[in-house]
Amino acid sequence: MQARKLAVEGAIEFTPRVFPDDRGMFLSPYQEEAFVEANGAPLFRVAQTNHSVSKRGVMRGVHYTVTPPGVAKYVYCARGKALDIVVDIRVGSPTFGKTDVVLMDQETHRTMYFPVGLGHAFVALEDDTVMSYMISGTYVPQNELALSVLDPALELSLDIGVEPILSERDRVAITLAEAKERGLLPDYATSLELERRLTEAPVTA
């Protein structure tokens, strides 16, 4: 598995080796050894897995979790094709406001790791695109916030040739600047501390 650090500090792209044969293929989207080598710590303890199916043109995000509690996320495209987007929304981060985009498809089978405090979005490029992710915390509605994926300040090129399909929540989401002004964004130092705690071994009796 190959690893590549992205423009947003702490975010990592992984590309697994694919083993094709006359029956189909086999691959491992997550490999702890590769993760430890790239990130310097074992992956967070997984509390929940999510699975979404989207038609072409669907844009989801930018979504993030109030920090604390914050969550880390490991994302994989199990079917179809998508542009997976990471946004640094951690106030005080050296890469605050930066974004990066990873093409996830059925050729390279790339995955992406999002540490605590980052924003996540994706755009489905094909019908029936399936996004699967492991997250370090359970879903609590009041802790989940959204920023506009169409915010010009993010400088994302998302023209995919079809009218974007957004939920009402994402359509009315505020900009990064508005969220910062209102004090709604994660703090960088807090995010790093929460990330560190996620990699600690659980205490046993």
N, C-alpha and C. Protein backbone atom coordinates (compact mmCIF):
# COMPACT_ATOMS: atom_id res chain seq x y z
N MET A 1 0.85 -1.19 0.00
CA MET A 1 0.00 0.00 0.00
C MET A 1 0.88 1.24 0.00
N GLN A 2 0.57 2.17 -0.89
CA GLN A 2 1.30 3.43 -0.96
C GLN A 2 0.55 4.50 -0.18
N ALA A 3 1.29 5.39 0.46
CA ALA A 3 0.69 6.49 1.23
C ALA A 3 1.22 7.81 0.70
N ARG A 4 0.34 8.82 0.69
CA ARG A 4 0.74 10.16 0.25
C ARG A 4 0.10 11.18 1.17
N LYS A 5 0.93 12.03 1.77
CA LYS A 5 0.40 13.09 2.62
C LYS A 5 -0.20 14.19 1.75
N LEU A 6 -1.35 14.68 2.15
CA LEU A 6 -2.08 15.67 1.36
C LEU A 6 -1.73 17.08 1.79
N ALA A 7 -2.31 18.07 1.10
CA ALA A 7 -2.01 19.48 1.38
C ALA A 7 -2.50 19.90 2.75
N VAL A 8 -3.52 19.23 3.25
CA VAL A 8 -4.05 19.51 4.58
C VAL A 8 -3.27 18.68 5.60
N GLU A 9 -2.70 19.34 6.59
CA GLU A 9 -1.89 18.64 7.57
C GLU A 9 -2.67 17.51 8.25
N GLY A 10 -2.06 16.33 8.26
CA GLY A 10 -2.66 15.18 8.93
C GLY A 10 -3.50 14.30 8.04
N ALA A 11 -3.96 14.81 6.90
CA ALA A 11 -4.77 14.03 5.97
C ALA A 11 -3.85 13.19 5.09
N ILE A 12 -4.22 11.94 4.86
CA ILE A 12 -3.38 11.01 4.11
C ILE A 12 -4.20 10.25 3.08
N GLU A 13 -3.65 10.12 1.88
CA GLU A 13 -4.24 9.29 0.84
C GLU A 13 -3.51 7.95 0.82
N PHE A 14 -4.27 6.86 0.71
CA PHE A 14 -3.68 5.53 0.60
C PHE A 14 -4.13 4.87 -0.70
N THR A 15 -3.21 4.18 -1.35
CA THR A 15 -3.54 3.43 -2.56
C THR A 15 -3.12 1.98 -2.37
N PRO A 16 -4.08 1.08 -2.22
CA PRO A 16 -3.74 -0.32 -1.96
C PRO A 16 -3.32 -1.05 -3.25
N ARG A 17 -2.59 -2.13 -3.08
CA ARG A 17 -2.27 -2.98 -4.21
C ARG A 17 -3.50 -3.82 -4.55
N VAL A 18 -3.79 -3.96 -5.84
CA VAL A 18 -4.95 -4.72 -6.30
C VAL A 18 -4.46 -6.03 -6.91
N PHE A 19 -5.14 -7.13 -6.55
CA PHE A 19 -4.79 -8.46 -7.04
C PHE A 19 -5.92 -8.97 -7.94
N PRO A 20 -5.81 -8.78 -9.27
CA PRO A 20 -6.86 -9.25 -10.17
C PRO A 20 -6.59 -10.70 -10.62
N ASP A 21 -7.66 -11.42 -10.93
CA ASP A 21 -7.54 -12.72 -11.58
C ASP A 21 -8.79 -12.96 -12.40
N ASP A 22 -8.95 -14.17 -12.92
CA ASP A 22 -10.08 -14.43 -13.82
C ASP A 22 -11.43 -14.44 -13.10
N ARG A 23 -11.42 -14.42 -11.78
CA ARG A 23 -12.66 -14.36 -11.01
C ARG A 23 -13.09 -12.93 -10.72
N GLY A 24 -12.13 -12.00 -10.71
CA GLY A 24 -12.39 -10.61 -10.33
C GLY A 24 -11.14 -9.99 -9.76
N MET A 25 -11.21 -9.56 -8.49
CA MET A 25 -10.03 -8.97 -7.87
C MET A 25 -10.17 -9.01 -6.36
N PHE A 26 -9.04 -8.71 -5.69
CA PHE A 26 -9.01 -8.65 -4.23
C PHE A 26 -8.11 -7.48 -3.84
N LEU A 27 -8.50 -6.76 -2.78
CA LEU A 27 -7.65 -5.69 -2.24
C LEU A 27 -8.02 -5.43 -0.80
N SER A 28 -7.12 -4.74 -0.08
CA SER A 28 -7.37 -4.38 1.31
C SER A 28 -7.35 -2.86 1.43
N PRO A 29 -8.53 -2.21 1.55
CA PRO A 29 -8.58 -0.75 1.62
C PRO A 29 -7.90 -0.16 2.85
N TYR A 30 -7.90 -0.91 3.95
CA TYR A 30 -7.21 -0.44 5.16
C TYR A 30 -6.21 -1.47 5.61
N GLN A 31 -4.96 -1.03 5.86
CA GLN A 31 -3.91 -1.91 6.34
C GLN A 31 -3.18 -1.19 7.48
N GLU A 32 -3.25 -1.76 8.67
CA GLU A 32 -2.71 -1.09 9.85
C GLU A 32 -1.22 -0.79 9.73
N GLU A 33 -0.45 -1.73 9.20
CA GLU A 33 0.99 -1.52 9.10
C GLU A 33 1.30 -0.27 8.26
N ALA A 34 0.62 -0.14 7.12
CA ALA A 34 0.83 1.04 6.27
C ALA A 34 0.36 2.31 6.95
N PHE A 35 -0.75 2.21 7.70
CA PHE A 35 -1.27 3.38 8.39
C PHE A 35 -0.30 3.86 9.46
N VAL A 36 0.22 2.91 10.24
CA VAL A 36 1.16 3.27 11.31
C VAL A 36 2.40 3.93 10.73
N GLU A 37 2.90 3.38 9.63
CA GLU A 37 4.10 3.94 9.00
C GLU A 37 3.86 5.36 8.51
N ALA A 38 2.67 5.61 7.94
CA ALA A 38 2.37 6.94 7.38
C ALA A 38 1.96 7.94 8.45
N ASN A 39 1.24 7.47 9.48
CA ASN A 39 0.65 8.37 10.46
C ASN A 39 1.37 8.38 11.79
N GLY A 40 2.17 7.35 12.03
CA GLY A 40 2.93 7.30 13.27
C GLY A 40 2.17 6.77 14.45
N ALA A 41 0.95 6.28 14.23
CA ALA A 41 0.15 5.73 15.33
C ALA A 41 -0.91 4.81 14.76
N PRO A 42 -1.39 3.83 15.52
CA PRO A 42 -2.46 2.96 15.04
C PRO A 42 -3.72 3.76 14.77
N LEU A 43 -4.55 3.24 13.91
CA LEU A 43 -5.81 3.90 13.62
C LEU A 43 -6.67 3.98 14.86
N PHE A 44 -7.50 5.00 14.91
CA PHE A 44 -8.46 5.17 16.00
C PHE A 44 -9.29 3.91 16.22
N ARG A 45 -9.85 3.79 17.40
CA ARG A 45 -10.79 2.71 17.67
C ARG A 45 -12.11 3.03 16.96
N VAL A 46 -12.55 2.14 16.10
CA VAL A 46 -13.73 2.40 15.28
C VAL A 46 -15.00 2.21 16.11
N ALA A 47 -15.85 3.25 16.12
CA ALA A 47 -17.10 3.20 16.87
C ALA A 47 -18.30 2.96 15.96
N GLN A 48 -18.16 3.30 14.69
CA GLN A 48 -19.31 3.21 13.78
C GLN A 48 -18.79 3.15 12.34
N THR A 49 -19.53 2.44 11.48
CA THR A 49 -19.26 2.48 10.05
C THR A 49 -20.47 3.05 9.34
N ASN A 50 -20.22 3.87 8.32
CA ASN A 50 -21.30 4.49 7.55
C ASN A 50 -21.21 4.07 6.09
N HIS A 51 -22.35 4.11 5.41
CA HIS A 51 -22.45 3.64 4.03
C HIS A 51 -23.47 4.52 3.33
N SER A 52 -23.07 5.18 2.25
CA SER A 52 -24.02 6.02 1.51
C SER A 52 -24.02 5.64 0.04
N VAL A 53 -25.17 5.79 -0.60
CA VAL A 53 -25.32 5.55 -2.04
C VAL A 53 -25.82 6.85 -2.66
N SER A 54 -25.13 7.30 -3.72
CA SER A 54 -25.46 8.59 -4.33
C SER A 54 -25.51 8.47 -5.85
N LYS A 55 -26.40 9.25 -6.45
CA LYS A 55 -26.41 9.30 -7.91
C LYS A 55 -25.47 10.39 -8.39
N ARG A 56 -25.17 10.37 -9.67
CA ARG A 56 -24.23 11.32 -10.24
C ARG A 56 -24.66 12.75 -9.98
N GLY A 57 -23.72 13.58 -9.55
CA GLY A 57 -23.99 14.98 -9.28
C GLY A 57 -24.29 15.30 -7.84
N VAL A 58 -24.49 14.27 -7.01
CA VAL A 58 -24.76 14.52 -5.59
C VAL A 58 -23.50 15.05 -4.92
N MET A 59 -23.67 16.15 -4.18
CA MET A 59 -22.59 16.72 -3.38
C MET A 59 -22.99 16.64 -1.91
N ARG A 60 -22.19 16.01 -1.11
CA ARG A 60 -22.45 15.90 0.32
C ARG A 60 -21.34 16.62 1.08
N GLY A 61 -21.72 17.52 1.97
CA GLY A 61 -20.72 18.25 2.75
C GLY A 61 -20.67 19.72 2.35
N VAL A 62 -19.79 20.42 2.99
CA VAL A 62 -18.69 19.98 3.86
C VAL A 62 -19.23 19.71 5.27
N HIS A 63 -19.07 18.50 5.75
CA HIS A 63 -19.57 18.12 7.06
C HIS A 63 -18.43 17.98 8.06
N TYR A 64 -18.73 18.32 9.30
CA TYR A 64 -17.75 18.15 10.37
C TYR A 64 -18.45 17.98 11.70
N THR A 65 -17.69 17.52 12.69
CA THR A 65 -18.23 17.26 14.02
C THR A 65 -17.68 18.29 15.00
N VAL A 66 -18.56 18.78 15.87
CA VAL A 66 -18.13 19.69 16.93
C VAL A 66 -16.96 19.05 17.68
N THR A 67 -15.95 19.89 17.94
CA THR A 67 -14.72 19.38 18.56
C THR A 67 -14.39 20.17 19.82
N PRO A 68 -14.46 19.54 21.03
CA PRO A 68 -14.82 18.15 21.26
C PRO A 68 -16.33 17.90 21.06
N PRO A 69 -16.72 16.63 20.82
CA PRO A 69 -15.92 15.41 20.94
C PRO A 69 -15.01 15.16 19.73
N GLY A 70 -15.42 15.60 18.53
CA GLY A 70 -14.61 15.36 17.35
C GLY A 70 -14.58 13.90 16.94
N VAL A 71 -14.37 13.64 15.66
CA VAL A 71 -14.20 12.27 15.17
C VAL A 71 -13.12 12.25 14.10
N ALA A 72 -12.46 11.11 13.98
CA ALA A 72 -11.57 10.84 12.86
C ALA A 72 -12.31 9.92 11.90
N LYS A 73 -11.86 9.88 10.65
CA LYS A 73 -12.62 9.18 9.62
C LYS A 73 -11.68 8.56 8.58
N TYR A 74 -12.03 7.36 8.13
CA TYR A 74 -11.29 6.67 7.08
C TYR A 74 -12.29 6.33 5.98
N VAL A 75 -12.08 6.87 4.77
CA VAL A 75 -13.10 6.84 3.72
C VAL A 75 -12.64 6.02 2.52
N TYR A 76 -13.59 5.25 1.97
CA TYR A 76 -13.33 4.39 0.81
C TYR A 76 -14.53 4.40 -0.12
N CYS A 77 -14.29 4.40 -1.42
CA CYS A 77 -15.36 4.32 -2.42
C CYS A 77 -15.49 2.86 -2.84
N ALA A 78 -16.54 2.20 -2.39
CA ALA A 78 -16.72 0.78 -2.64
C ALA A 78 -17.31 0.49 -4.01
N ARG A 79 -17.97 1.48 -4.61
CA ARG A 79 -18.53 1.31 -5.96
C ARG A 79 -18.67 2.67 -6.61
N GLY A 80 -18.47 2.74 -7.92
CA GLY A 80 -18.63 4.01 -8.63
C GLY A 80 -17.38 4.85 -8.61
N LYS A 81 -17.59 6.16 -8.60
CA LYS A 81 -16.48 7.11 -8.68
C LYS A 81 -16.87 8.40 -7.99
N ALA A 82 -15.93 8.99 -7.27
CA ALA A 82 -16.23 10.23 -6.54
C ALA A 82 -14.97 11.07 -6.37
N LEU A 83 -15.19 12.37 -6.20
CA LEU A 83 -14.13 13.27 -5.76
C LEU A 83 -14.29 13.43 -4.26
N ASP A 84 -13.32 12.95 -3.50
CA ASP A 84 -13.40 13.05 -2.04
C ASP A 84 -12.58 14.26 -1.61
N ILE A 85 -13.15 15.08 -0.74
CA ILE A 85 -12.59 16.40 -0.45
C ILE A 85 -12.31 16.56 1.04
N VAL A 86 -11.12 17.03 1.37
CA VAL A 86 -10.76 17.35 2.74
C VAL A 86 -10.56 18.86 2.84
N VAL A 87 -11.08 19.45 3.92
CA VAL A 87 -10.96 20.89 4.16
C VAL A 87 -10.42 21.09 5.57
N ASP A 88 -9.36 21.88 5.69
CA ASP A 88 -8.82 22.17 7.02
C ASP A 88 -9.60 23.33 7.62
N ILE A 89 -10.42 23.02 8.62
CA ILE A 89 -11.25 24.03 9.28
C ILE A 89 -10.81 24.25 10.72
N ARG A 90 -9.61 23.78 11.07
CA ARG A 90 -9.10 23.90 12.43
C ARG A 90 -8.44 25.27 12.62
N VAL A 91 -9.06 26.09 13.43
CA VAL A 91 -8.53 27.43 13.67
C VAL A 91 -7.18 27.33 14.37
N GLY A 92 -6.17 27.96 13.78
CA GLY A 92 -4.82 27.89 14.31
C GLY A 92 -3.93 26.90 13.59
N SER A 93 -4.50 26.10 12.70
CA SER A 93 -3.72 25.13 11.94
C SER A 93 -2.83 25.83 10.92
N PRO A 94 -1.63 25.31 10.68
CA PRO A 94 -0.77 25.91 9.65
C PRO A 94 -1.34 25.76 8.25
N THR A 95 -2.30 24.85 8.06
CA THR A 95 -2.92 24.71 6.74
C THR A 95 -4.41 25.10 6.77
N PHE A 96 -4.78 25.96 7.72
CA PHE A 96 -6.19 26.38 7.83
C PHE A 96 -6.69 26.94 6.49
N GLY A 97 -7.87 26.49 6.08
CA GLY A 97 -8.48 26.96 4.84
C GLY A 97 -8.05 26.21 3.61
N LYS A 98 -7.01 25.39 3.73
CA LYS A 98 -6.56 24.62 2.57
C LYS A 98 -7.48 23.43 2.31
N THR A 99 -7.52 23.01 1.06
CA THR A 99 -8.30 21.85 0.66
C THR A 99 -7.43 20.90 -0.15
N ASP A 100 -7.89 19.67 -0.28
CA ASP A 100 -7.27 18.73 -1.21
C ASP A 100 -8.36 17.78 -1.69
N VAL A 101 -8.16 17.24 -2.89
CA VAL A 101 -9.17 16.40 -3.52
C VAL A 101 -8.52 15.10 -3.98
N VAL A 102 -9.17 13.99 -3.67
CA VAL A 102 -8.70 12.67 -4.09
C VAL A 102 -9.76 12.02 -4.96
N LEU A 103 -9.34 11.57 -6.15
CA LEU A 103 -10.25 10.83 -7.01
C LEU A 103 -10.33 9.39 -6.51
N MET A 104 -11.53 8.98 -6.14
CA MET A 104 -11.74 7.60 -5.69
C MET A 104 -12.55 6.87 -6.76
N ASP A 105 -12.01 5.74 -7.23
CA ASP A 105 -12.69 5.01 -8.29
C ASP A 105 -12.40 3.52 -8.15
N GLN A 106 -12.80 2.75 -9.19
CA GLN A 106 -12.62 1.30 -9.14
C GLN A 106 -11.38 0.84 -9.91
N GLU A 107 -10.48 1.79 -10.17
CA GLU A 107 -9.21 1.45 -10.81
C GLU A 107 -8.07 1.52 -9.79
N THR A 108 -7.97 2.64 -9.10
CA THR A 108 -6.90 2.79 -8.11
C THR A 108 -7.32 2.37 -6.71
N HIS A 109 -8.63 2.48 -6.41
CA HIS A 109 -9.17 2.12 -5.09
C HIS A 109 -8.52 2.92 -3.96
N ARG A 110 -8.26 4.19 -4.20
CA ARG A 110 -7.66 5.04 -3.18
C ARG A 110 -8.61 5.20 -1.99
N THR A 111 -8.02 5.48 -0.83
CA THR A 111 -8.77 5.78 0.38
C THR A 111 -8.20 7.07 0.97
N MET A 112 -8.89 7.62 1.96
CA MET A 112 -8.38 8.84 2.60
C MET A 112 -8.64 8.80 4.10
N TYR A 113 -7.66 9.28 4.84
CA TYR A 113 -7.78 9.40 6.29
C TYR A 113 -7.95 10.87 6.67
N PHE A 114 -8.97 11.14 7.50
CA PHE A 114 -9.25 12.48 8.02
C PHE A 114 -9.02 12.47 9.52
N PRO A 115 -8.01 13.15 10.04
CA PRO A 115 -7.87 13.24 11.49
C PRO A 115 -8.95 14.13 12.11
N VAL A 116 -8.99 14.17 13.40
CA VAL A 116 -10.00 14.95 14.13
C VAL A 116 -9.95 16.43 13.72
N GLY A 117 -11.12 17.01 13.53
CA GLY A 117 -11.22 18.44 13.31
C GLY A 117 -11.31 18.89 11.86
N LEU A 118 -11.22 17.96 10.91
CA LEU A 118 -11.27 18.35 9.50
C LEU A 118 -12.68 18.25 8.94
N GLY A 119 -12.91 18.98 7.84
CA GLY A 119 -14.18 18.92 7.14
C GLY A 119 -14.10 17.93 5.99
N HIS A 120 -15.22 17.26 5.72
CA HIS A 120 -15.27 16.23 4.67
C HIS A 120 -16.43 16.50 3.72
N ALA A 121 -16.16 16.36 2.43
CA ALA A 121 -17.20 16.46 1.41
C ALA A 121 -16.85 15.49 0.29
N PHE A 122 -17.84 15.14 -0.52
CA PHE A 122 -17.54 14.40 -1.73
C PHE A 122 -18.59 14.69 -2.79
N VAL A 123 -18.19 14.45 -4.03
CA VAL A 123 -19.07 14.63 -5.19
C VAL A 123 -19.11 13.32 -5.95
N ALA A 124 -20.30 12.76 -6.14
CA ALA A 124 -20.45 11.51 -6.88
C ALA A 124 -20.35 11.78 -8.38
N LEU A 125 -19.49 11.05 -9.04
CA LEU A 125 -19.28 11.22 -10.48
C LEU A 125 -20.03 10.20 -11.31
N GLU A 126 -20.59 9.19 -10.66
CA GLU A 126 -21.37 8.16 -11.34
C GLU A 126 -22.61 7.83 -10.51
N ASP A 127 -23.65 7.31 -11.17
CA ASP A 127 -24.81 6.82 -10.45
C ASP A 127 -24.41 5.63 -9.58
N ASP A 128 -25.14 5.47 -8.48
CA ASP A 128 -24.92 4.37 -7.55
C ASP A 128 -23.50 4.33 -6.99
N THR A 129 -22.95 5.51 -6.75
CA THR A 129 -21.63 5.58 -6.10
C THR A 129 -21.79 5.29 -4.61
N VAL A 130 -21.02 4.36 -4.13
CA VAL A 130 -21.10 3.93 -2.73
C VAL A 130 -19.85 4.42 -1.99
N MET A 131 -20.08 5.20 -0.95
CA MET A 131 -18.99 5.66 -0.08
C MET A 131 -19.14 4.97 1.27
N SER A 132 -18.05 4.40 1.73
CA SER A 132 -18.04 3.68 2.99
C SER A 132 -16.98 4.27 3.89
N TYR A 133 -17.32 4.52 5.15
CA TYR A 133 -16.31 5.06 6.04
C TYR A 133 -16.43 4.55 7.47
N MET A 134 -15.25 4.41 8.06
CA MET A 134 -15.15 4.08 9.48
C MET A 134 -14.95 5.38 10.23
N ILE A 135 -15.66 5.55 11.34
CA ILE A 135 -15.49 6.75 12.14
C ILE A 135 -15.24 6.39 13.60
N SER A 136 -14.58 7.30 14.30
CA SER A 136 -14.14 7.00 15.66
C SER A 136 -15.18 7.31 16.73
N GLY A 137 -16.32 7.87 16.34
CA GLY A 137 -17.37 8.19 17.30
C GLY A 137 -18.73 7.89 16.72
N THR A 138 -19.73 7.75 17.57
CA THR A 138 -21.08 7.49 17.10
C THR A 138 -21.75 8.80 16.65
N TYR A 139 -22.75 8.67 15.82
CA TYR A 139 -23.44 9.83 15.25
C TYR A 139 -24.35 10.46 16.30
N VAL A 140 -24.12 11.74 16.56
CA VAL A 140 -24.97 12.52 17.47
C VAL A 140 -25.42 13.75 16.68
N PRO A 141 -26.70 13.83 16.28
CA PRO A 141 -27.16 14.88 15.37
C PRO A 141 -26.75 16.30 15.77
N GLN A 142 -26.87 16.62 17.05
CA GLN A 142 -26.58 18.00 17.47
C GLN A 142 -25.10 18.36 17.39
N ASN A 143 -24.24 17.35 17.22
CA ASN A 143 -22.80 17.60 17.10
C ASN A 143 -22.34 17.75 15.66
N GLU A 144 -23.25 17.52 14.71
CA GLU A 144 -22.88 17.52 13.30
C GLU A 144 -23.24 18.86 12.64
N LEU A 145 -22.23 19.53 12.06
CA LEU A 145 -22.42 20.83 11.42
C LEU A 145 -21.98 20.77 9.96
N ALA A 146 -22.34 21.80 9.21
CA ALA A 146 -22.03 21.81 7.77
C ALA A 146 -21.56 23.19 7.33
N LEU A 147 -20.65 23.18 6.37
CA LEU A 147 -20.20 24.38 5.68
C LEU A 147 -20.54 24.22 4.20
N SER A 148 -20.59 25.33 3.49
CA SER A 148 -20.95 25.27 2.07
C SER A 148 -19.79 24.73 1.24
N VAL A 149 -20.05 23.65 0.50
CA VAL A 149 -19.04 23.11 -0.39
C VAL A 149 -18.82 24.03 -1.59
N LEU A 150 -19.77 24.96 -1.82
CA LEU A 150 -19.67 25.90 -2.93
C LEU A 150 -19.07 27.24 -2.52
N ASP A 151 -18.57 27.33 -1.29
CA ASP A 151 -17.93 28.54 -0.80
C ASP A 151 -16.76 28.91 -1.72
N PRO A 152 -16.80 30.07 -2.38
CA PRO A 152 -15.70 30.44 -3.30
C PRO A 152 -14.34 30.46 -2.63
N ALA A 153 -14.30 30.73 -1.32
CA ALA A 153 -13.02 30.81 -0.62
C ALA A 153 -12.29 29.47 -0.59
N LEU A 154 -13.03 28.37 -0.76
CA LEU A 154 -12.41 27.04 -0.75
C LEU A 154 -11.73 26.72 -2.08
N GLU A 155 -12.07 27.47 -3.11
CA GLU A 155 -11.44 27.34 -4.43
C GLU A 155 -11.48 25.90 -4.95
N LEU A 156 -12.65 25.26 -4.82
CA LEU A 156 -12.83 23.90 -5.32
C LEU A 156 -13.40 23.94 -6.73
N SER A 157 -12.80 23.20 -7.64
CA SER A 157 -13.30 23.11 -9.02
C SER A 157 -14.20 21.88 -9.10
N LEU A 158 -15.51 22.11 -9.01
CA LEU A 158 -16.46 21.01 -8.92
C LEU A 158 -17.45 20.98 -10.08
N ASP A 159 -17.07 21.54 -11.22
CA ASP A 159 -17.92 21.50 -12.40
C ASP A 159 -17.78 20.13 -13.06
N ILE A 160 -18.78 19.27 -12.87
CA ILE A 160 -18.70 17.91 -13.40
C ILE A 160 -19.67 17.69 -14.55
N GLY A 161 -20.23 18.78 -15.08
CA GLY A 161 -21.07 18.66 -16.26
C GLY A 161 -22.53 18.41 -16.00
N VAL A 162 -22.94 18.33 -14.75
CA VAL A 162 -24.36 18.16 -14.40
C VAL A 162 -24.70 19.12 -13.28
N GLU A 163 -25.98 19.41 -13.13
CA GLU A 163 -26.43 20.29 -12.05
C GLU A 163 -26.18 19.61 -10.71
N PRO A 164 -25.51 20.29 -9.78
CA PRO A 164 -25.24 19.66 -8.48
C PRO A 164 -26.52 19.39 -7.71
N ILE A 165 -26.54 18.28 -7.00
CA ILE A 165 -27.68 17.88 -6.17
C ILE A 165 -27.25 17.97 -4.72
N LEU A 166 -27.88 18.89 -3.98
CA LEU A 166 -27.53 19.08 -2.58
C LEU A 166 -28.77 18.93 -1.71
N SER A 167 -28.58 18.45 -0.50
CA SER A 167 -29.66 18.42 0.47
C SER A 167 -29.98 19.85 0.90
N GLU A 168 -31.12 20.04 1.52
CA GLU A 168 -31.47 21.37 2.00
C GLU A 168 -30.46 21.85 3.04
N ARG A 169 -30.01 20.95 3.88
CA ARG A 169 -29.00 21.30 4.89
C ARG A 169 -27.73 21.84 4.23
N ASP A 170 -27.26 21.18 3.17
CA ASP A 170 -26.04 21.61 2.51
C ASP A 170 -26.25 22.85 1.65
N ARG A 171 -27.45 23.00 1.13
CA ARG A 171 -27.75 24.16 0.28
C ARG A 171 -27.70 25.47 1.07
N VAL A 172 -28.10 25.43 2.33
CA VAL A 172 -28.15 26.66 3.13
C VAL A 172 -26.96 26.76 4.09
N ALA A 173 -25.99 25.87 3.95
CA ALA A 173 -24.83 25.88 4.86
C ALA A 173 -24.05 27.18 4.73
N ILE A 174 -23.46 27.61 5.83
CA ILE A 174 -22.72 28.88 5.85
C ILE A 174 -21.30 28.69 5.32
N THR A 175 -20.61 29.79 5.09
CA THR A 175 -19.24 29.74 4.59
C THR A 175 -18.26 29.50 5.73
N LEU A 176 -17.03 29.19 5.34
CA LEU A 176 -15.97 28.99 6.32
C LEU A 176 -15.74 30.26 7.14
N ALA A 177 -15.75 31.41 6.48
CA ALA A 177 -15.52 32.68 7.18
C ALA A 177 -16.64 32.97 8.18
N GLU A 178 -17.88 32.68 7.78
CA GLU A 178 -19.01 32.90 8.70
C GLU A 178 -18.91 31.99 9.92
N ALA A 179 -18.54 30.74 9.69
CA ALA A 179 -18.42 29.80 10.80
C ALA A 179 -17.31 30.22 11.75
N LYS A 180 -16.21 30.72 11.20
CA LYS A 180 -15.11 31.18 12.05
C LYS A 180 -15.54 32.38 12.87
N GLU A 181 -16.26 33.29 12.25
CA GLU A 181 -16.72 34.50 12.94
C GLU A 181 -17.66 34.14 14.09
N ARG A 182 -18.46 33.10 13.91
CA ARG A 182 -19.43 32.69 14.93
C ARG A 182 -18.80 31.77 15.99
N GLY A 183 -17.54 31.42 15.83
CA GLY A 183 -16.88 30.55 16.79
C GLY A 183 -17.33 29.10 16.70
N LEU A 184 -17.69 28.64 15.49
CA LEU A 184 -18.23 27.29 15.32
C LEU A 184 -17.20 26.27 14.84
N LEU A 185 -15.97 26.70 14.62
CA LEU A 185 -14.98 25.81 14.05
C LEU A 185 -14.11 25.14 15.12
N PRO A 186 -13.57 23.96 14.80
CA PRO A 186 -12.67 23.28 15.75
C PRO A 186 -11.39 24.07 15.98
N ASP A 187 -10.83 23.90 17.15
CA ASP A 187 -9.54 24.49 17.49
C ASP A 187 -8.44 23.49 17.14
N TYR A 188 -7.36 23.99 16.58
CA TYR A 188 -6.27 23.12 16.12
C TYR A 188 -5.64 22.33 17.27
N ALA A 189 -5.25 23.01 18.34
CA ALA A 189 -4.59 22.33 19.46
C ALA A 189 -5.51 21.30 20.10
N THR A 190 -6.77 21.64 20.25
CA THR A 190 -7.74 20.70 20.82
C THR A 190 -7.89 19.48 19.93
N SER A 191 -7.94 19.71 18.61
CA SER A 191 -8.08 18.61 17.66
C SER A 191 -6.89 17.65 17.75
N LEU A 192 -5.69 18.19 17.85
CA LEU A 192 -4.51 17.35 17.96
C LEU A 192 -4.53 16.51 19.23
N GLU A 193 -4.97 17.11 20.34
CA GLU A 193 -5.02 16.38 21.61
C GLU A 193 -6.06 15.26 21.54
N LEU A 194 -7.21 15.54 20.94
CA LEU A 194 -8.24 14.50 20.80
C LEU A 194 -7.77 13.39 19.87
N GLU A 195 -7.06 13.76 18.83
CA GLU A 195 -6.49 12.77 17.91
C GLU A 195 -5.50 11.87 18.65
N ARG A 196 -4.67 12.46 19.50
CA ARG A 196 -3.70 11.68 20.26
C ARG A 196 -4.40 10.68 21.16
N ARG A 197 -5.48 11.10 21.80
CA ARG A 197 -6.20 10.21 22.72
C ARG A 197 -6.82 9.03 21.99
N LEU A 198 -7.21 9.23 20.73
CA LEU A 198 -7.84 8.15 19.97
C LEU A 198 -6.88 7.00 19.70
N THR A 199 -5.59 7.29 19.69
CA THR A 199 -4.61 6.25 19.38
C THR A 199 -4.06 5.57 20.62
N GLU A 200 -4.48 6.03 21.79
CA GLU A 200 -4.00 5.41 23.03
C GLU A 200 -4.69 4.06 23.22
N ALA A 201 -3.95 3.11 23.73
CA ALA A 201 -4.53 1.80 24.01
C ALA A 201 -5.56 1.90 25.11
N PRO A 202 -6.70 1.20 25.00
CA PRO A 202 -7.70 1.25 26.06
C PRO A 202 -7.17 0.67 27.38
N VAL A 203 -7.63 1.24 28.45
CA VAL A 203 -7.19 0.78 29.77
C VAL A 203 -7.93 -0.50 30.12
N THR A 204 -7.20 -1.53 30.57
CA THR A 204 -7.83 -2.79 30.97
C THR A 204 -7.65 -2.99 32.47
N ALA A 205 -8.59 -3.70 33.03
CA ALA A 205 -8.55 -3.95 34.49
C ALA A 205 -7.49 -4.97 34.83
